[in-house]
Protein backbone atom coordinates (compact mmCIF):
# COMPACT_ATOMS: atom_id res chain seq x y z
CA MET A 1 219.88 -66.83 68.99
CA ILE A 2 220.98 -66.46 65.35
CA ALA A 3 220.29 -70.17 64.76
CA ASP A 4 216.74 -69.69 66.09
CA LYS A 5 216.16 -66.77 63.71
CA ILE A 6 217.46 -68.76 60.75
CA HIS A 7 215.30 -71.73 61.78
CA LYS A 8 212.21 -69.47 61.98
CA MET A 9 213.01 -67.88 58.62
CA ILE A 10 213.24 -71.31 56.98
CA ASP A 11 210.00 -72.44 58.66
CA ASP A 12 208.25 -69.28 57.41
CA ILE A 13 209.40 -69.95 53.85
CA LEU A 14 208.34 -73.61 53.98
CA GLU A 15 204.97 -72.75 55.59
CA ASP A 16 203.28 -72.34 52.21
CA VAL A 17 204.99 -75.27 50.44
CA GLU A 18 202.58 -78.14 49.75
CA THR A 19 203.89 -81.53 48.68
CA VAL A 20 201.71 -84.45 49.90
CA SER A 21 198.64 -84.57 52.13
CA LEU A 22 195.86 -86.92 53.08
CA GLY A 23 192.30 -85.96 52.22
CA ILE A 24 188.72 -87.19 52.30
CA ILE A 25 186.71 -87.11 49.07
CA THR A 26 183.55 -85.02 49.51
CA SER A 27 182.15 -85.33 45.97
CA VAL A 28 183.06 -87.03 42.69
CA ASP A 29 182.42 -86.17 39.04
CA LEU A 30 183.26 -89.38 37.17
CA ALA A 31 182.46 -87.84 33.78
CA LYS A 32 185.35 -85.36 34.24
CA LEU A 33 187.47 -87.54 36.59
CA ARG A 34 187.51 -84.71 39.12
CA CYS A 35 186.60 -84.58 42.80
CA ASN A 36 186.39 -82.28 45.79
CA VAL A 37 188.66 -83.19 48.69
CA LYS A 38 188.73 -82.01 52.30
CA LEU A 39 192.26 -82.19 53.70
CA LYS A 40 192.58 -84.35 56.82
CA HIS A 41 194.76 -81.74 58.49
CA LYS A 42 193.65 -78.23 59.35
CA ILE A 43 195.63 -75.17 58.32
CA ARG A 44 195.66 -72.42 60.92
CA ARG A 45 192.78 -74.28 62.64
CA GLN A 46 190.65 -74.10 59.49
CA GLU A 47 189.33 -77.03 57.50
CA ILE A 48 190.45 -76.78 53.87
CA GLU A 49 188.46 -78.17 50.95
CA LEU A 50 189.95 -78.33 47.48
CA PHE A 51 187.59 -78.22 44.49
CA ASP A 52 187.69 -79.77 41.01
CA VAL A 53 190.80 -81.82 41.77
CA PRO A 54 191.95 -84.20 38.99
CA ILE A 55 191.88 -87.92 39.79
CA ALA A 56 194.90 -89.84 38.47
CA PHE A 57 194.72 -93.49 37.41
CA PRO A 58 197.57 -95.73 36.24
CA LYS A 59 197.41 -94.93 32.50
CA PHE A 60 199.90 -95.74 29.78
CA ASN A 61 199.72 -96.48 26.02
CA ASP A 62 195.96 -95.73 25.90
CA CYS A 63 195.31 -98.40 28.58
CA VAL A 64 194.10 -97.69 32.11
CA ILE A 65 193.30 -99.35 35.41
CA ALA A 66 190.37 -97.31 36.70
CA ILE A 67 188.71 -97.64 40.09
CA ALA A 68 185.99 -95.08 40.70
CA PRO A 69 186.45 -93.30 44.03
CA LYS A 70 183.46 -92.46 46.22
CA GLU A 71 182.58 -89.86 48.81
CA GLY A 72 184.30 -90.62 52.10
CA ASP A 73 187.34 -92.34 50.58
CA VAL A 74 190.60 -91.36 52.27
CA VAL A 75 193.09 -90.46 49.55
CA LEU A 76 196.64 -89.37 48.95
CA VAL A 77 196.83 -85.87 47.49
CA VAL A 78 199.98 -84.59 45.81
CA PHE A 79 200.72 -81.06 44.69
CA SER A 80 202.33 -80.19 41.39
CA LYS A 81 205.37 -77.93 41.62
CA TYR A 82 203.95 -75.66 38.91
CA GLU A 83 200.52 -74.59 37.65
CA LEU A 84 198.57 -77.80 37.16
CA GLU A 85 195.71 -76.60 34.96
CA GLU A 86 198.16 -74.98 32.56
CA GLN A 87 200.01 -78.28 32.18
CA LEU A 88 196.79 -80.28 31.70
CA LYS A 89 195.59 -78.20 28.74
CA ASN A 90 197.35 -80.44 26.22
CA ARG A 91 200.25 -82.87 25.79
CA GLU A 92 202.83 -80.21 24.89
CA PRO A 93 205.28 -78.46 27.25
CA VAL A 94 203.91 -75.11 28.43
CA ASP A 95 205.27 -71.95 29.99
CA VAL A 96 204.43 -71.67 33.68
CA ASN A 97 204.81 -69.02 36.32
CA GLU A 98 208.03 -70.11 38.03
CA LEU A 99 207.23 -68.03 41.11
CA PHE A 100 203.98 -69.95 41.70
CA LYS A 101 205.33 -73.23 43.14
CA PHE A 102 203.80 -76.01 45.29
CA ASN A 103 200.50 -74.20 45.61
CA ILE A 104 197.61 -75.91 47.40
CA ASN A 105 195.44 -75.31 44.32
CA ASN A 106 197.67 -77.57 42.20
CA ALA A 107 196.40 -80.79 43.79
CA ILE A 108 196.04 -84.24 42.24
CA VAL A 109 194.35 -87.24 43.89
CA ILE A 110 196.61 -90.20 43.11
CA ALA A 111 195.38 -93.10 45.26
CA GLY A 112 193.28 -94.28 48.14
CA ILE A 113 195.08 -95.07 51.36
CA TYR A 114 194.26 -97.23 54.36
CA THR A 115 193.98 -95.62 57.78
CA LEU A 116 194.95 -97.42 60.98
CA VAL A 117 191.29 -98.31 61.67
CA ASP A 118 190.64 -99.85 58.22
CA SER A 119 190.77 -103.60 57.55
CA VAL A 120 193.60 -104.23 55.14
CA PRO A 121 193.51 -107.08 52.63
CA ALA A 122 195.82 -110.07 53.10
CA VAL A 123 198.46 -110.12 50.39
CA ASN A 124 201.84 -111.80 50.59
CA GLN A 125 205.21 -110.77 49.20
CA ASP A 126 205.37 -111.34 45.42
CA GLU A 127 201.57 -111.49 45.05
CA ILE A 128 199.15 -109.21 43.24
CA LEU A 129 195.59 -108.83 44.52
CA ILE A 130 192.68 -107.12 42.78
CA LEU A 131 189.94 -107.06 45.42
CA HIS A 132 186.33 -105.94 44.94
CA LYS A 133 184.28 -104.70 47.89
CA SER A 134 181.96 -107.73 47.40
CA GLY A 135 184.80 -109.99 48.47
CA ASN A 136 185.42 -111.30 44.94
CA TYR A 137 189.00 -111.11 43.74
CA ILE A 138 191.69 -111.98 41.24
CA LYS A 139 194.91 -113.03 42.90
CA PHE A 140 198.27 -113.73 41.26
CA GLN A 141 200.05 -115.99 43.75
CA GLN A 142 203.76 -116.23 44.48
CA ASP A 143 204.04 -119.39 42.36
CA GLY A 144 202.39 -117.68 39.35
CA LYS A 145 199.02 -119.39 39.76
CA ILE A 146 196.01 -117.13 39.20
CA ILE A 147 193.00 -117.55 41.49
CA ILE A 148 189.66 -115.96 40.66
CA LYS A 149 186.81 -115.83 43.18
CA GLY A 150 183.41 -114.80 41.82
CA ASP A 151 181.15 -115.27 38.83
CA ILE A 152 182.82 -114.78 35.45
CA TYR A 153 181.19 -113.37 32.32
CA VAL A 154 183.11 -113.40 29.05
CA ASP A 155 181.98 -111.31 26.08
CA GLY A 156 184.04 -112.89 23.33
CA ASN A 157 185.80 -116.11 22.46
CA ILE A 158 187.72 -118.29 24.89
CA GLU A 159 190.90 -120.05 23.81
CA TYR A 160 193.02 -122.17 26.10
CA THR A 161 195.76 -124.74 26.13
CA GLY A 162 196.15 -127.42 28.75
CA ASN A 163 193.46 -129.37 30.54
CA LEU A 164 190.11 -128.14 31.79
CA THR A 165 189.69 -129.65 35.23
CA GLN A 166 186.58 -129.49 37.38
CA VAL A 167 187.25 -129.10 41.08
């Protein structure tokens, strides 16, 4: 009986803690790198849509790998422990409301994710695949060889060592 009460008390506390969810993008603003996302799960039988959610790309040292999401993409949504907008104002540490943790309004879209009904690309252990929806790709194979499928346009000079072989 006491264990049940403690279990319920813990469940009640954790009820409002958001960490990671799946969502479906409903609109995208590429100029601001923000989107609206409808969560794939309902809360208290209600559909939940989050608005003006930042989209994260792998970005370091002023370089980025950017893939523009589109409406209907299924994505992974994470929730910042503290006030997200306050932390995004600049690059400096900021004071946050420590009582306002893991709120659903502190969402960030970090990646697309495959569902069980999606076709997944074939990639082997120790390979890297950059796949375009057209079917064109760049693939770094296990042996280090790079395979490119598709037309190539170069805006700049080309330098190479080794032999140029026509196949």
